[in-house]
Amino acid sequence: MTPKRKQRLLLVLLLIAGIGLAVTLAILALQENMNLFYSTTQVSNGEAPENRLFRLGGMVVDGSVNRTEGDITVRFELTDTAQHVPVMFSGILPDLFREGQGIVAQGMLNEDGVFVASEVLAKHDENYMPPEITESIERAKNTNTAQ
């Protein structure tokens, strides 16, 4: 091989290695930042990841909202009409948050099976419900009627 061919071959190999490294780093970064959505039934069945951020959606169970006096910690339960998951949030809830309403919370499960939310998102009008929650409720209804 001539020195020019060796240089070109080395350049092509370095270029391929660089592209491979860039693709690998991009895939790793996307996996870390991915927030998957889980229904309350999936969380109750143990399908949700442990020690990893994810989104949980459902309807706030009537009578489950419990505010700690003198603190901004709120405890409530979410349901998809099949299973309930306890949620704890420390912060200011959205103005549209109320019992019987669909919400999506982002956070992670603790050792006790309580979902510790870092963010709570409420629907923006009376007619809107996030598509994930609608699908989750429909799946839960279909499962209940099939049994």
Protein backbone atom coordinates (compact mmCIF):
# COMPACT_ATOMS: atom_id res chain seq x y z
CA MET A 1 0.00 0.00 0.00
CA THR A 2 1.19 3.45 -0.79
CA PRO A 3 1.43 6.07 1.96
CA LYS A 4 -1.44 8.07 0.38
CA ARG A 5 -3.75 5.02 0.47
CA LYS A 6 -2.81 4.37 4.11
CA GLN A 7 -3.66 7.97 4.99
CA ARG A 8 -7.04 7.75 3.26
CA LEU A 9 -7.82 4.43 4.92
CA LEU A 10 -6.88 5.83 8.33
CA LEU A 11 -9.02 8.92 7.70
CA VAL A 12 -12.04 6.80 6.69
CA LEU A 13 -11.62 4.54 9.75
CA LEU A 14 -11.39 7.57 12.07
CA LEU A 15 -14.47 9.08 10.44
CA ILE A 16 -16.46 5.86 10.90
CA ALA A 17 -15.32 5.56 14.54
CA GLY A 18 -16.29 9.19 15.20
CA ILE A 19 -19.75 8.73 13.71
CA GLY A 20 -20.24 5.53 15.74
CA LEU A 21 -19.23 7.32 18.93
CA ALA A 22 -21.58 10.24 18.19
CA VAL A 23 -24.52 7.90 17.53
CA THR A 24 -23.82 5.93 20.72
CA LEU A 25 -23.70 9.10 22.83
CA ALA A 26 -26.92 10.40 21.26
CA ILE A 27 -28.78 7.15 21.98
CA LEU A 28 -27.56 7.11 25.60
CA ALA A 29 -28.65 10.73 26.10
CA LEU A 30 -32.10 10.03 24.65
CA GLN A 31 -32.61 7.01 26.89
CA GLU A 32 -31.76 9.01 30.01
CA ASN A 33 -34.18 11.81 29.13
CA MET A 34 -37.06 9.57 28.13
CA ASN A 35 -40.12 9.89 30.39
CA LEU A 36 -42.44 7.00 29.74
CA PHE A 37 -46.13 7.10 30.65
CA TYR A 38 -47.66 4.42 32.89
CA SER A 39 -51.24 3.92 34.03
CA THR A 40 -52.13 3.18 37.63
CA THR A 41 -52.84 -0.46 36.70
CA GLN A 42 -49.37 -0.83 35.20
CA VAL A 43 -47.79 0.70 38.31
CA SER A 44 -49.85 -1.56 40.60
CA ASN A 45 -48.79 -4.60 38.56
CA GLY A 46 -45.11 -3.67 38.97
CA GLU A 47 -44.51 -2.74 35.32
CA ALA A 48 -43.16 0.74 36.14
CA PRO A 49 -39.41 1.21 36.55
CA GLU A 50 -37.92 1.62 40.01
CA ASN A 51 -35.60 4.54 40.79
CA ARG A 52 -36.34 6.11 37.43
CA LEU A 53 -38.42 9.13 36.42
CA PHE A 54 -41.70 8.38 34.63
CA ARG A 55 -45.14 9.89 34.14
CA LEU A 56 -48.22 8.56 35.90
CA GLY A 57 -51.69 9.52 34.77
CA GLY A 58 -55.19 8.99 36.02
CA MET A 59 -58.17 10.53 37.72
CA VAL A 60 -57.85 12.00 41.22
CA VAL A 61 -59.94 9.79 43.51
CA ASP A 62 -62.82 11.64 45.19
CA GLY A 63 -62.14 12.20 48.90
CA SER A 64 -58.48 11.19 48.67
CA VAL A 65 -56.85 14.65 48.70
CA ASN A 66 -55.15 15.21 52.06
CA ARG A 67 -53.22 18.42 52.68
CA THR A 68 -50.76 18.60 55.56
CA GLU A 69 -51.52 21.63 57.71
CA GLY A 70 -48.70 24.19 57.75
CA ASP A 71 -46.93 22.40 54.89
CA ILE A 72 -47.22 22.32 51.10
CA THR A 73 -47.23 18.52 50.96
CA VAL A 74 -50.35 17.01 49.41
CA ARG A 75 -51.26 13.32 49.35
CA PHE A 76 -53.90 11.91 47.02
CA GLU A 77 -54.70 8.81 45.00
CA LEU A 78 -54.89 8.34 41.25
CA THR A 79 -57.00 5.73 39.50
CA ASP A 80 -57.79 4.46 36.03
CA THR A 81 -61.01 2.96 37.46
CA ALA A 82 -59.27 -0.40 37.99
CA GLN A 83 -56.35 0.28 40.37
CA HIS A 84 -55.39 3.08 42.77
CA VAL A 85 -51.88 4.46 43.35
CA PRO A 86 -51.03 6.77 46.28
CA VAL A 87 -49.26 9.97 45.25
CA MET A 88 -47.33 12.50 47.33
CA PHE A 89 -46.49 15.94 46.00
CA SER A 90 -44.64 18.69 47.78
CA GLY A 91 -45.24 21.98 46.04
CA ILE A 92 -47.94 24.22 44.68
CA LEU A 93 -50.61 22.37 42.73
CA PRO A 94 -52.04 23.80 39.50
CA ASP A 95 -55.17 25.94 39.90
CA LEU A 96 -57.21 23.40 37.92
CA PHE A 97 -56.29 20.48 40.22
CA ARG A 98 -59.33 18.95 41.94
CA GLU A 99 -60.88 15.62 42.82
CA GLY A 100 -62.39 13.67 39.94
CA GLN A 101 -60.11 15.37 37.42
CA GLY A 102 -57.57 13.79 35.08
CA ILE A 103 -53.93 14.67 35.77
CA VAL A 104 -50.47 13.59 34.73
CA ALA A 105 -47.73 13.57 37.37
CA GLN A 106 -44.02 13.15 36.80
CA GLY A 107 -41.84 11.52 39.45
CA MET A 108 -40.76 8.12 40.74
CA LEU A 109 -41.89 5.36 43.08
CA ASN A 110 -40.39 5.17 46.56
CA GLU A 111 -39.72 1.97 48.51
CA ASP A 112 -43.25 2.01 50.02
CA GLY A 113 -44.97 2.02 46.61
CA VAL A 114 -45.93 5.70 46.90
CA PHE A 115 -45.44 7.75 43.75
CA VAL A 116 -43.44 10.86 44.74
CA ALA A 117 -44.31 13.51 42.17
CA SER A 118 -41.93 16.29 41.25
CA GLU A 119 -44.44 17.89 38.87
CA VAL A 120 -48.24 17.75 38.52
CA LEU A 121 -50.00 18.77 35.32
CA ALA A 122 -53.77 19.33 35.23
CA LYS A 123 -56.03 19.54 32.22
CA HIS A 124 -56.59 23.01 30.86
CA ASP A 125 -60.36 22.95 30.33
CA GLU A 126 -63.41 20.91 31.25
CA ASN A 127 -63.53 18.89 28.03
CA TYR A 128 -59.87 17.96 27.60
CA MET A 129 -58.30 14.80 28.96
CA PRO A 130 -54.77 13.69 28.05
CA PRO A 131 -54.91 10.89 25.46
CA GLU A 132 -52.81 8.59 27.64
CA ILE A 133 -55.33 8.80 30.49
CA THR A 134 -58.28 8.25 28.14
CA GLU A 135 -56.63 5.12 26.69
CA SER A 136 -55.73 3.87 30.17
CA ILE A 137 -59.31 4.28 31.44
CA GLU A 138 -60.71 2.55 28.34
CA ARG A 139 -58.29 -0.39 28.80
CA ALA A 140 -59.27 -0.68 32.46
CA LYS A 141 -63.00 -0.64 31.57
CA ASN A 142 -62.48 -3.29 28.90
CA THR A 143 -60.54 -5.47 31.33
CA ASN A 144 -63.26 -5.12 33.98
CA THR A 145 -66.06 -6.03 31.55
CA ALA A 146 -64.12 -9.03 30.22
CA GLN A 147 -63.79 -10.54 33.73
